[in-house]
Amino acid sequence: NNYKVGPGIVLDEMAVGCECKNCFEEPVNGCCPGASLHRMAYNDKGQVRIQPGKPIYECNTQCNCGQDCPNRVVQKGIQFDLCIFKTDNGRGWGVRTLQHIKKNTFVMEYVGE
């Protein structure tokens, strides 16, 4: 997954990364959330476990952990089958899932109006 930005927008390279090999075993010893004095945002099933409005610090390309790190949820992108549909009530377009999604599970990043 790569960010797609508009003309004239420059994304800075991530400046912070962790030295962890296993972020669930070492979160207070320097994993990205622990280094920021925050708790790990996800449980072992990838579900959000922090209060709404709190920041989520995910591991990134500057970290020693791999792509299978449990603290890399959003960057894995959409993991569910979704269906875009025209609503019957005149509200326009909607999106729904074709399978059950457990509460607090990341579905997709939404950017737009």
PDB file of N, CA and C in Angstrom:
ATOM      1  N   ASN A   1       0.837  -1.189   0.000  1.00  0.00           N
ATOM      2  CA  ASN A   1       0.000   0.000   0.000  1.00  0.00           C
ATOM      3  C   ASN A   1       0.874   1.241   0.000  1.00  0.00           C
ATOM      4  N   ASN A   2       0.562   2.155  -0.859  1.00  0.00           N
ATOM      5  CA  ASN A   2       1.262   3.429  -0.910  1.00  0.00           C
ATOM      6  C   ASN A   2       0.250   4.554  -0.827  1.00  0.00           C
ATOM      7  N   TYR A   3       0.669   5.670  -0.238  1.00  0.00           N
ATOM      8  CA  TYR A   3      -0.197   6.830  -0.192  1.00  0.00           C
ATOM      9  C   TYR A   3      -0.219   7.499  -1.552  1.00  0.00           C
ATOM     10  N   LYS A   4      -1.388   7.962  -1.950  1.00  0.00           N
ATOM     11  CA  LYS A   4      -1.527   8.740  -3.178  1.00  0.00           C
ATOM     12  C   LYS A   4      -1.942  10.136  -2.756  1.00  0.00           C
ATOM     13  N   VAL A   5      -1.101  11.088  -3.049  1.00  0.00           N
ATOM     14  CA  VAL A   5      -1.371  12.459  -2.614  1.00  0.00           C
ATOM     15  C   VAL A   5      -1.545  13.364  -3.813  1.00  0.00           C
ATOM     16  N   GLY A   6      -2.162  14.494  -3.579  1.00  0.00           N
ATOM     17  CA  GLY A   6      -2.418  15.455  -4.637  1.00  0.00           C
ATOM     18  C   GLY A   6      -1.165  16.204  -5.051  1.00  0.00           C
ATOM     19  N   PRO A   7      -1.270  16.951  -6.140  1.00  0.00           N
ATOM     20  CA  PRO A   7      -0.136  17.734  -6.634  1.00  0.00           C
ATOM     21  C   PRO A   7       0.359  18.711  -5.573  1.00  0.00           C
ATOM     22  N   GLY A   8       1.666  18.817  -5.431  1.00  0.00           N
ATOM     23  CA  GLY A   8       2.256  19.759  -4.489  1.00  0.00           C
ATOM     24  C   GLY A   8       2.351  19.256  -3.061  1.00  0.00           C
ATOM     25  N   ILE A   9       1.844  18.064  -2.777  1.00  0.00           N
ATOM     26  CA  ILE A   9       1.899  17.513  -1.425  1.00  0.00           C
ATOM     27  C   ILE A   9       3.093  16.573  -1.332  1.00  0.00           C
ATOM     28  N   VAL A  10       3.924  16.770  -0.312  1.00  0.00           N
ATOM     29  CA  VAL A  10       5.091  15.923  -0.100  1.00  0.00           C
ATOM     30  C   VAL A  10       4.935  15.227   1.244  1.00  0.00           C
ATOM     31  N   LEU A  11       5.016  13.903   1.246  1.00  0.00           N
ATOM     32  CA  LEU A  11       4.944  13.147   2.491  1.00  0.00           C
ATOM     33  C   LEU A  11       6.348  12.965   3.049  1.00  0.00           C
ATOM     34  N   ASP A  12       6.506  13.278   4.333  1.00  0.00           N
ATOM     35  CA  ASP A  12       7.794  13.073   4.985  1.00  0.00           C
ATOM     36  C   ASP A  12       7.995  11.589   5.249  1.00  0.00           C
ATOM     37  N   GLU A  13       9.226  11.154   5.192  1.00  0.00           N
ATOM     38  CA  GLU A  13       9.573   9.779   5.553  1.00  0.00           C
ATOM     39  C   GLU A  13       9.342   9.618   7.055  1.00  0.00           C
ATOM     40  N   MET A  14       8.878   8.438   7.481  1.00  0.00           N
ATOM     41  CA  MET A  14       8.687   8.183   8.904  1.00  0.00           C
ATOM     42  C   MET A  14      10.019   8.377   9.623  1.00  0.00           C
ATOM     43  N   ALA A  15      10.021   9.140  10.696  1.00  0.00           N
ATOM     44  CA  ALA A  15      11.255   9.441  11.407  1.00  0.00           C
ATOM     45  C   ALA A  15      11.489   8.494  12.581  1.00  0.00           C
ATOM     46  N   VAL A  16      10.467   7.773  13.000  1.00  0.00           N
ATOM     47  CA  VAL A  16      10.562   6.943  14.188  1.00  0.00           C
ATOM     48  C   VAL A  16      10.242   5.504  13.834  1.00  0.00           C
ATOM     49  N   GLY A  17      10.974   4.603  14.398  1.00  0.00           N
ATOM     50  CA  GLY A  17      10.716   3.181  14.229  1.00  0.00           C
ATOM     51  C   GLY A  17      11.173   2.455  15.478  1.00  0.00           C
ATOM     52  N   CYS A  18      10.737   1.222  15.643  1.00  0.00           N
ATOM     53  CA  CYS A  18      11.108   0.469  16.839  1.00  0.00           C
ATOM     54  C   CYS A  18      12.174  -0.567  16.512  1.00  0.00           C
ATOM     55  N   GLU A  19      12.794  -1.076  17.553  1.00  0.00           N
ATOM     56  CA  GLU A  19      13.837  -2.097  17.429  1.00  0.00           C
ATOM     57  C   GLU A  19      13.288  -3.489  17.730  1.00  0.00           C
ATOM     58  N   CYS A  20      11.985  -3.600  17.984  1.00  0.00           N
ATOM     59  CA  CYS A  20      11.383  -4.869  18.402  1.00  0.00           C
ATOM     60  C   CYS A  20      11.433  -5.926  17.309  1.00  0.00           C
ATOM     61  N   LYS A  21      11.482  -7.168  17.744  1.00  0.00           N
ATOM     62  CA  LYS A  21      11.315  -8.300  16.835  1.00  0.00           C
ATOM     63  C   LYS A  21       9.896  -8.843  16.975  1.00  0.00           C
ATOM     64  N   ASN A  22       9.322  -8.743  18.188  1.00  0.00           N
ATOM     65  CA  ASN A  22       7.961  -9.186  18.452  1.00  0.00           C
ATOM     66  C   ASN A  22       7.262  -8.097  19.260  1.00  0.00           C
ATOM     67  N   CYS A  23       6.459  -7.297  18.599  1.00  0.00           N
ATOM     68  CA  CYS A  23       5.867  -6.114  19.236  1.00  0.00           C
ATOM     69  C   CYS A  23       4.849  -6.447  20.321  1.00  0.00           C
ATOM     70  N   PHE A  24       4.218  -7.634  20.289  1.00  0.00           N
ATOM     71  CA  PHE A  24       3.286  -7.981  21.360  1.00  0.00           C
ATOM     72  C   PHE A  24       4.030  -8.356  22.634  1.00  0.00           C
ATOM     73  N   GLU A  25       5.239  -8.879  22.508  1.00  0.00           N
ATOM     74  CA  GLU A  25       6.004  -9.253  23.692  1.00  0.00           C
ATOM     75  C   GLU A  25       6.810  -8.086  24.250  1.00  0.00           C
ATOM     76  N   GLU A  26       7.087  -7.085  23.432  1.00  0.00           N
ATOM     77  CA  GLU A  26       7.978  -6.009  23.850  1.00  0.00           C
ATOM     78  C   GLU A  26       7.376  -4.604  23.763  1.00  0.00           C
ATOM     79  N   PRO A  27       6.050  -4.412  23.888  1.00  0.00           N
ATOM     80  CA  PRO A  27       5.494  -3.079  23.638  1.00  0.00           C
ATOM     81  C   PRO A  27       6.003  -1.993  24.578  1.00  0.00           C
ATOM     82  N   VAL A  28       6.286  -2.334  25.835  1.00  0.00           N
ATOM     83  CA  VAL A  28       6.756  -1.299  26.759  1.00  0.00           C
ATOM     84  C   VAL A  28       8.253  -1.072  26.649  1.00  0.00           C
ATOM     85  N   ASN A  29       8.939  -1.921  25.918  1.00  0.00           N
ATOM     86  CA  ASN A  29      10.388  -1.786  25.782  1.00  0.00           C
ATOM     87  C   ASN A  29      10.792  -1.079  24.509  1.00  0.00           C
ATOM     88  N   GLY A  30       9.871  -0.393  23.863  1.00  0.00           N
ATOM     89  CA  GLY A  30      10.286   0.380  22.713  1.00  0.00           C
ATOM     90  C   GLY A  30       9.490   0.194  21.452  1.00  0.00           C
ATOM     91  N   CYS A  31       8.508  -0.709  21.425  1.00  0.00           N
ATOM     92  CA  CYS A  31       7.663  -0.798  20.238  1.00  0.00           C
ATOM     93  C   CYS A  31       6.988   0.559  20.051  1.00  0.00           C
ATOM     94  N   CYS A  32       6.613   0.873  18.846  1.00  0.00           N
ATOM     95  CA  CYS A  32       6.109   2.220  18.517  1.00  0.00           C
ATOM     96  C   CYS A  32       5.099   2.788  19.518  1.00  0.00           C
ATOM     97  N   PRO A  33       4.038   2.053  19.905  1.00  0.00           N
ATOM     98  CA  PRO A  33       3.119   2.632  20.897  1.00  0.00           C
ATOM     99  C   PRO A  33       3.791   2.845  22.245  1.00  0.00           C
ATOM    100  N   GLY A  34       4.581   1.869  22.710  1.00  0.00           N
ATOM    101  CA  GLY A  34       5.243   1.978  24.007  1.00  0.00           C
ATOM    102  C   GLY A  34       6.239   3.116  24.050  1.00  0.00           C
ATOM    103  N   ALA A  35       6.958   3.308  22.960  1.00  0.00           N
ATOM    104  CA  ALA A  35       7.937   4.393  22.893  1.00  0.00           C
ATOM    105  C   ALA A  35       7.254   5.749  22.958  1.00  0.00           C
ATOM    106  N   SER A  36       5.990   5.801  22.561  1.00  0.00           N
ATOM    107  CA  SER A  36       5.222   7.049  22.595  1.00  0.00           C
ATOM    108  C   SER A  36       4.398   7.163  23.872  1.00  0.00           C
ATOM    109  N   LEU A  37       4.641   6.248  24.820  1.00  0.00           N
ATOM    110  CA  LEU A  37       3.911   6.197  26.091  1.00  0.00           C
ATOM    111  C   LEU A  37       2.424   5.933  25.887  1.00  0.00           C
ATOM    112  N   HIS A  38       2.086   5.183  24.859  1.00  0.00           N
ATOM    113  CA  HIS A  38       0.710   4.774  24.607  1.00  0.00           C
ATOM    114  C   HIS A  38       0.652   3.254  24.614  1.00  0.00           C
ATOM    115  N   ARG A  39      -0.526   2.703  24.839  1.00  0.00           N
ATOM    116  CA  ARG A  39      -0.645   1.248  24.808  1.00  0.00           C
ATOM    117  C   ARG A  39      -0.903   0.768  23.389  1.00  0.00           C
ATOM    118  N   MET A  40      -0.662  -0.499  23.178  1.00  0.00           N
ATOM    119  CA  MET A  40      -0.884  -1.112  21.873  1.00  0.00           C
ATOM    120  C   MET A  40      -2.359  -0.941  21.505  1.00  0.00           C
ATOM    121  N   ALA A  41      -2.631  -0.460  20.317  1.00  0.00           N
ATOM    122  CA  ALA A  41      -3.999  -0.136  19.902  1.00  0.00           C
ATOM    123  C   ALA A  41      -4.826  -1.369  19.561  1.00  0.00           C
ATOM    124  N   TYR A  42      -4.161  -2.485  19.233  1.00  0.00           N
ATOM    125  CA  TYR A  42      -4.878  -3.672  18.758  1.00  0.00           C
ATOM    126  C   TYR A  42      -4.664  -4.858  19.688  1.00  0.00           C
ATOM    127  N   ASN A  43      -5.675  -5.744  19.724  1.00  0.00           N
ATOM    128  CA  ASN A  43      -5.481  -7.004  20.427  1.00  0.00           C
ATOM    129  C   ASN A  43      -4.861  -8.009  19.457  1.00  0.00           C
ATOM    130  N   ASP A  44      -4.710  -9.253  19.881  1.00  0.00           N
ATOM    131  CA  ASP A  44      -4.043 -10.248  19.036  1.00  0.00           C
ATOM    132  C   ASP A  44      -4.858 -10.661  17.816  1.00  0.00           C
ATOM    133  N   LYS A  45      -6.115 -10.227  17.738  1.00  0.00           N
ATOM    134  CA  LYS A  45      -6.960 -10.509  16.570  1.00  0.00           C
ATOM    135  C   LYS A  45      -7.059  -9.294  15.635  1.00  0.00           C
ATOM    136  N   GLY A  46      -6.311  -8.234  15.944  1.00  0.00           N
ATOM    137  CA  GLY A  46      -6.317  -7.042  15.105  1.00  0.00           C
ATOM    138  C   GLY A  46      -7.481  -6.108  15.358  1.00  0.00           C
ATOM    139  N   GLN A  47      -8.187  -6.289  16.469  1.00  0.00           N
ATOM    140  CA  GLN A  47      -9.317  -5.424  16.798  1.00  0.00           C
ATOM    141  C   GLN A  47      -8.838  -4.254  17.658  1.00  0.00           C
ATOM    142  N   VAL A  48      -9.383  -3.073  17.402  1.00  0.00           N
ATOM    143  CA  VAL A  48      -9.016  -1.879  18.168  1.00  0.00           C
ATOM    144  C   VAL A  48      -9.459  -2.054  19.610  1.00  0.00           C
ATOM    145  N   ARG A  49      -8.560  -1.745  20.541  1.00  0.00           N
ATOM    146  CA  ARG A  49      -8.899  -1.895  21.959  1.00  0.00           C
ATOM    147  C   ARG A  49      -8.715  -0.608  22.755  1.00  0.00           C
ATOM    148  N   ILE A  50      -8.467   0.500  22.073  1.00  0.00           N
ATOM    149  CA  ILE A  50      -8.334   1.776  22.770  1.00  0.00           C
ATOM    150  C   ILE A  50      -9.590   2.612  22.545  1.00  0.00           C
ATOM    151  N   GLN A  51      -9.749   3.645  23.357  1.00  0.00           N
ATOM    152  CA  GLN A  51     -10.929   4.491  23.259  1.00  0.00           C
ATOM    153  C   GLN A  51     -10.908   5.308  21.972  1.00  0.00           C
ATOM    154  N   PRO A  52     -12.099   5.571  21.409  1.00  0.00           N
ATOM    155  CA  PRO A  52     -12.172   6.437  20.220  1.00  0.00           C
ATOM    156  C   PRO A  52     -11.542   7.791  20.518  1.00  0.00           C
ATOM    157  N   GLY A  53     -10.861   8.332  19.530  1.00  0.00           N
ATOM    158  CA  GLY A  53     -10.225   9.631  19.674  1.00  0.00           C
ATOM    159  C   GLY A  53      -8.777   9.565  20.128  1.00  0.00           C
ATOM    160  N   LYS A  54      -8.328   8.404  20.579  1.00  0.00           N
ATOM    161  CA  LYS A  54      -6.930   8.240  20.991  1.00  0.00           C
ATOM    162  C   LYS A  54      -6.087   7.917  19.762  1.00  0.00           C
ATOM    163  N   PRO A  55      -4.835   8.371  19.730  1.00  0.00           N
ATOM    164  CA  PRO A  55      -3.993   8.102  18.553  1.00  0.00           C
ATOM    165  C   PRO A  55      -3.593   6.635  18.468  1.00  0.00           C
ATOM    166  N   ILE A  56      -3.395   6.175  17.253  1.00  0.00           N
ATOM    167  CA  ILE A  56      -2.906   4.823  17.007  1.00  0.00           C
ATOM    168  C   ILE A  56      -1.523   4.953  16.389  1.00  0.00           C
ATOM    169  N   TYR A  57      -0.543   4.329  17.025  1.00  0.00           N
ATOM    170  CA  TYR A  57       0.829   4.335  16.523  1.00  0.00           C
ATOM    171  C   TYR A  57       1.140   2.950  15.979  1.00  0.00           C
ATOM    172  N   GLU A  58       1.217   2.842  14.663  1.00  0.00           N
ATOM    173  CA  GLU A  58       1.540   1.567  14.042  1.00  0.00           C
ATOM    174  C   GLU A  58       3.030   1.511  13.730  1.00  0.00           C
ATOM    175  N   CYS A  59       3.549   0.295  13.665  1.00  0.00           N
ATOM    176  CA  CYS A  59       4.921   0.114  13.214  1.00  0.00           C
ATOM    177  C   CYS A  59       4.981   0.496  11.736  1.00  0.00           C
ATOM    178  N   ASN A  60       6.187   0.755  11.233  1.00  0.00           N
ATOM    179  CA  ASN A  60       6.328   1.271   9.873  1.00  0.00           C
ATOM    180  C   ASN A  60       7.609   0.755   9.233  1.00  0.00           C
ATOM    181  N   THR A  61       7.979   1.319   8.120  1.00  0.00           N
ATOM    182  CA  THR A  61       9.151   0.856   7.375  1.00  0.00           C
ATOM    183  C   THR A  61      10.461   1.085   8.120  1.00  0.00           C
ATOM    184  N   GLN A  62      10.465   1.924   9.142  1.00  0.00           N
ATOM    185  CA  GLN A  62      11.675   2.170   9.931  1.00  0.00           C
ATOM    186  C   GLN A  62      11.840   1.169  11.069  1.00  0.00           C
ATOM    187  N   CYS A  63      10.893   0.263  11.236  1.00  0.00           N
ATOM    188  CA  CYS A  63      10.912  -0.700  12.340  1.00  0.00           C
ATOM    189  C   CYS A  63      11.617  -1.992  11.935  1.00  0.00           C
ATOM    190  N   ASN A  64      12.145  -2.701  12.935  1.00  0.00           N
ATOM    191  CA  ASN A  64      12.804  -3.982  12.689  1.00  0.00           C
ATOM    192  C   ASN A  64      11.825  -5.135  12.535  1.00  0.00           C
ATOM    193  N   CYS A  65      10.602  -4.959  12.999  1.00  0.00           N
ATOM    194  CA  CYS A  65       9.615  -6.038  12.894  1.00  0.00           C
ATOM    195  C   CYS A  65       9.188  -6.196  11.431  1.00  0.00           C
ATOM    196  N   GLY A  66       8.650  -7.346  11.111  1.00  0.00           N
ATOM    197  CA  GLY A  66       8.277  -7.634   9.728  1.00  0.00           C
ATOM    198  C   GLY A  66       6.861  -7.216   9.377  1.00  0.00           C
ATOM    199  N   GLN A  67       6.475  -7.484   8.136  1.00  0.00           N
ATOM    200  CA  GLN A  67       5.136  -7.148   7.648  1.00  0.00           C
ATOM    201  C   GLN A  67       4.046  -7.926   8.378  1.00  0.00           C
ATOM    202  N   ASP A  68       4.389  -9.032   9.027  1.00  0.00           N
ATOM    203  CA  ASP A  68       3.402  -9.813   9.766  1.00  0.00           C
ATOM    204  C   ASP A  68       3.214  -9.312  11.198  1.00  0.00           C
ATOM    205  N   CYS A  69       3.853  -8.208  11.546  1.00  0.00           N
ATOM    206  CA  CYS A  69       3.726  -7.618  12.880  1.00  0.00           C
ATOM    207  C   CYS A  69       2.257  -7.319  13.177  1.00  0.00           C
ATOM    208  N   PRO A  70       1.765  -7.674  14.368  1.00  0.00           N
ATOM    209  CA  PRO A  70       0.367  -7.404  14.721  1.00  0.00           C
ATOM    210  C   PRO A  70       0.060  -5.924  14.913  1.00  0.00           C
ATOM    211  N   ASN A  71       1.087  -5.092  14.894  1.00  0.00           N
ATOM    212  CA  ASN A  71       0.886  -3.655  15.026  1.00  0.00           C
ATOM    213  C   ASN A  71       0.938  -2.966  13.660  1.00  0.00           C
ATOM    214  N   ARG A  72       0.563  -3.694  12.611  1.00  0.00           N
ATOM    215  CA  ARG A  72       0.486  -3.152  11.246  1.00  0.00           C
ATOM    216  C   ARG A  72      -0.871  -3.545  10.662  1.00  0.00           C
ATOM    217  N   VAL A  73      -1.918  -2.989  11.170  1.00  0.00           N
ATOM    218  CA  VAL A  73      -3.274  -3.374  10.763  1.00  0.00           C
ATOM    219  C   VAL A  73      -3.762  -2.537   9.589  1.00  0.00           C
ATOM    220  N   VAL A  74      -3.747  -1.226   9.724  1.00  0.00           N
ATOM    221  CA  VAL A  74      -4.275  -0.344   8.679  1.00  0.00           C
ATOM    222  C   VAL A  74      -3.485  -0.496   7.384  1.00  0.00           C
ATOM    223  N   GLN A  75      -2.170  -0.636   7.495  1.00  0.00           N
ATOM    224  CA  GLN A  75      -1.342  -0.724   6.290  1.00  0.00           C
ATOM    225  C   GLN A  75      -1.535  -2.009   5.500  1.00  0.00           C
ATOM    226  N   LYS A  76      -2.199  -3.004   6.084  1.00  0.00           N
ATOM    227  CA  LYS A  76      -2.493  -4.240   5.341  1.00  0.00           C
ATOM    228  C   LYS A  76      -3.682  -4.058   4.407  1.00  0.00           C
ATOM    229  N   GLY A  77      -4.393  -2.951   4.561  1.00  0.00           N
ATOM    230  CA  GLY A  77      -5.490  -2.642   3.651  1.00  0.00           C
ATOM    231  C   GLY A  77      -6.753  -3.451   3.918  1.00  0.00           C
ATOM    232  N   ILE A  78      -7.621  -3.484   2.941  1.00  0.00           N
ATOM    233  CA  ILE A  78      -8.921  -4.153   3.056  1.00  0.00           C
ATOM    234  C   ILE A  78      -8.725  -5.662   3.116  1.00  0.00           C
ATOM    235  N   GLN A  79      -9.297  -6.282   4.143  1.00  0.00           N
ATOM    236  CA  GLN A  79      -9.191  -7.728   4.330  1.00  0.00           C
ATOM    237  C   GLN A  79     -10.542  -8.428   4.167  1.00  0.00           C
ATOM    238  N   PHE A  80     -11.566  -7.680   3.761  1.00  0.00           N
ATOM    239  CA  PHE A  80     -12.920  -8.225   3.643  1.00  0.00           C
ATOM    240  C   PHE A  80     -13.468  -7.990   2.247  1.00  0.00           C
ATOM    241  N   ASP A  81     -14.430  -8.813   1.863  1.00  0.00           N
ATOM    242  CA  ASP A  81     -15.132  -8.611   0.596  1.00  0.00           C
ATOM    243  C   ASP A  81     -16.190  -7.539   0.818  1.00  0.00           C
ATOM    244  N   LEU A  82     -16.092  -6.447   0.082  1.00  0.00           N
ATOM    245  CA  LEU A  82     -17.036  -5.344   0.217  1.00  0.00           C
ATOM    246  C   LEU A  82     -17.818  -5.176  -1.067  1.00  0.00           C
ATOM    247  N   CYS A  83     -19.007  -4.627  -0.929  1.00  0.00           N
ATOM    248  CA  CYS A  83     -19.885  -4.426  -2.073  1.00  0.00           C
ATOM    249  C   CYS A  83     -20.367  -2.974  -2.072  1.00  0.00           C
ATOM    250  N   ILE A  84     -20.125  -2.261  -3.154  1.00  0.00           N
ATOM    251  CA  ILE A  84     -20.640  -0.898  -3.305  1.00  0.00           C
ATOM    252  C   ILE A  84     -21.998  -1.014  -3.974  1.00  0.00           C
ATOM    253  N   PHE A  85     -22.993  -0.330  -3.417  1.00  0.00           N
ATOM    254  CA  PHE A  85     -24.353  -0.463  -3.942  1.00  0.00           C
ATOM    255  C   PHE A  85     -25.079   0.874  -3.932  1.00  0.00           C
ATOM    256  N   LYS A  86     -26.056   0.997  -4.790  1.00  0.00           N
ATOM    257  CA  LYS A  86     -26.937   2.174  -4.848  1.00  0.00           C
ATOM    258  C   LYS A  86     -28.082   1.917  -3.877  1.00  0.00           C
ATOM    259  N   THR A  87     -28.306   2.847  -2.953  1.00  0.00           N
ATOM    260  CA  THR A  87     -29.354   2.652  -1.954  1.00  0.00           C
ATOM    261  C   THR A  87     -30.740   2.797  -2.574  1.00  0.00           C
ATOM    262  N   ASP A  88     -31.703   2.149  -1.947  1.00  0.00           N
ATOM    263  CA  ASP A  88     -33.089   2.215  -2.418  1.00  0.00           C
ATOM    264  C   ASP A  88     -33.832   3.434  -1.875  1.00  0.00           C
ATOM    265  N   ASN A  89     -33.258   4.096  -0.870  1.00  0.00           N
ATOM    266  CA  ASN A  89     -33.964   5.195  -0.209  1.00  0.00           C
ATOM    267  C   ASN A  89     -33.537   6.574  -0.712  1.00  0.00           C
ATOM    268  N   GLY A  90     -32.798   6.636  -1.811  1.00  0.00           N
ATOM    269  CA  GLY A  90     -32.410   7.917  -2.384  1.00  0.00           C
ATOM    270  C   GLY A  90     -31.227   8.593  -1.723  1.00  0.00           C
ATOM    271  N   ARG A  91     -30.522   7.909  -0.844  1.00  0.00           N
ATOM    272  CA  ARG A  91     -29.378   8.509  -0.155  1.00  0.00           C
ATOM    273  C   ARG A  91     -28.080   8.371  -0.940  1.00  0.00           C
ATOM    274  N   GLY A  92     -28.136   7.775  -2.090  1.00  0.00           N
ATOM    275  CA  GLY A  92     -26.924   7.660  -2.907  1.00  0.00           C
ATOM    276  C   GLY A  92     -26.294   6.286  -2.817  1.00  0.00           C
ATOM    277  N   TRP A  93     -24.983   6.274  -2.742  1.00  0.00           N
ATOM    278  CA  TRP A  93     -24.226   5.036  -2.740  1.00  0.00           C
ATOM    279  C   TRP A  93     -23.844   4.630  -1.328  1.00  0.00           C
ATOM    280  N   GLY A  94     -23.665   3.345  -1.134  1.00  0.00           N
ATOM    281  CA  GLY A  94     -23.251   2.814   0.159  1.00  0.00           C
ATOM    282  C   GLY A  94     -22.262   1.687  -0.040  1.00  0.00           C
ATOM    283  N   VAL A  95     -21.715   1.222   1.053  1.00  0.00           N
ATOM    284  CA  VAL A  95     -20.817   0.070   1.016  1.00  0.00           C
ATOM    285  C   VAL A  95     -21.254  -0.887   2.116  1.00  0.00           C
ATOM    286  N   ARG A  96     -21.242  -2.162   1.804  1.00  0.00           N
ATOM    287  CA  ARG A  96     -21.590  -3.175   2.795  1.00  0.00           C
ATOM    288  C   ARG A  96     -20.654  -4.358   2.620  1.00  0.00           C
ATOM    289  N   THR A  97     -20.606  -5.151   3.646  1.00  0.00           N
ATOM    290  CA  THR A  97     -19.743  -6.319   3.609  1.00  0.00           C
ATOM    291  C   THR A  97     -20.529  -7.544   3.163  1.00  0.00           C
ATOM    292  N   LEU A  98     -19.826  -8.488   2.640  1.00  0.00           N
ATOM    293  CA  LEU A  98     -20.437  -9.738   2.217  1.00  0.00           C
ATOM    294  C   LEU A  98     -20.169 -10.839   3.238  1.00  0.00           C
ATOM    295  N   GLN A  99     -19.626 -10.459   4.390  1.00  0.00           N
ATOM    296  CA  GLN A  99     -19.345 -11.422   5.450  1.00  0.00           C
ATOM    297  C   GLN A  99     -19.434 -10.730   6.806  1.00  0.00           C
ATOM    298  N   HIS A 100     -19.471 -11.509   7.874  1.00  0.00           N
ATOM    299  CA  HIS A 100     -19.554 -10.965   9.229  1.00  0.00           C
ATOM    300  C   HIS A 100     -18.208 -10.352   9.618  1.00  0.00           C
ATOM    301  N   ILE A 101     -18.253  -9.158  10.198  1.00  0.00           N
ATOM    302  CA  ILE A 101     -17.049  -8.496  10.696  1.00  0.00           C
ATOM    303  C   ILE A 101     -17.259  -8.243  12.183  1.00  0.00           C
ATOM    304  N   LYS A 102     -16.311  -8.688  12.995  1.00  0.00           N
ATOM    305  CA  LYS A 102     -16.422  -8.512  14.438  1.00  0.00           C
ATOM    306  C   LYS A 102     -16.254  -7.044  14.818  1.00  0.00           C
ATOM    307  N   LYS A 103     -16.909  -6.653  15.900  1.00  0.00           N
ATOM    308  CA  LYS A 103     -16.853  -5.292  16.421  1.00  0.00           C
ATOM    309  C   LYS A 103     -15.399  -4.864  16.638  1.00  0.00           C
ATOM    310  N   ASN A 104     -15.117  -3.600  16.335  1.00  0.00           N
ATOM    311  CA  ASN A 104     -13.807  -2.968  16.515  1.00  0.00           C
ATOM    312  C   ASN A 104     -12.733  -3.474  15.559  1.00  0.00           C
ATOM    313  N   THR A 105     -13.141  -4.130  14.483  1.00  0.00           N
ATOM    314  CA  THR A 105     -12.190  -4.609  13.489  1.00  0.00           C
ATOM    315  C   THR A 105     -12.031  -3.560  12.396  1.00  0.00           C
ATOM    316  N   PHE A 106     -10.789  -3.298  11.989  1.00  0.00           N
ATOM    317  CA  PHE A 106     -10.530  -2.350  10.911  1.00  0.00           C
ATOM    318  C   PHE A 106     -11.103  -2.908   9.614  1.00  0.00           C
ATOM    319  N   VAL A 107     -11.853  -2.080   8.885  1.00  0.00           N
ATOM    320  CA  VAL A 107     -12.448  -2.502   7.617  1.00  0.00           C
ATOM    321  C   VAL A 107     -11.688  -1.872   6.462  1.00  0.00           C
ATOM    322  N   MET A 108     -11.639  -0.558   6.422  1.00  0.00           N
ATOM    323  CA  MET A 108     -10.914   0.127   5.362  1.00  0.00           C
ATOM    324  C   MET A 108     -10.704   1.581   5.747  1.00  0.00           C
ATOM    325  N   GLU A 109      -9.725   2.197   5.129  1.00  0.00           N
ATOM    326  CA  GLU A 109      -9.482   3.619   5.319  1.00  0.00           C
ATOM    327  C   GLU A 109     -10.441   4.362   4.402  1.00  0.00           C
ATOM    328  N   TYR A 110     -11.142   5.346   4.955  1.00  0.00           N
ATOM    329  CA  TYR A 110     -12.074   6.136   4.149  1.00  0.00           C
ATOM    330  C   TYR A 110     -11.561   7.561   4.073  1.00  0.00           C
ATOM    331  N   VAL A 111     -11.407   8.050   2.872  1.00  0.00           N
ATOM    332  CA  VAL A 111     -10.994   9.432   2.652  1.00  0.00           C
ATOM    333  C   VAL A 111     -11.933  10.009   1.610  1.00  0.00           C
ATOM    334  N   GLY A 112     -12.617  11.064   1.943  1.00  0.00           N
ATOM    335  CA  GLY A 112     -13.532  11.661   0.982  1.00  0.00           C
ATOM    336  C   GLY A 112     -14.666  12.384   1.662  1.00  0.00           C
ATOM    337  N   GLU A 113     -15.671  12.679   0.889  1.00  0.00           N
ATOM    338  CA  GLU A 113     -16.818  13.412   1.412  1.00  0.00           C
ATOM    339  C   GLU A 113     -17.980  12.487   1.644  1.00  0.00           C
TER     340      GLU A 113
END
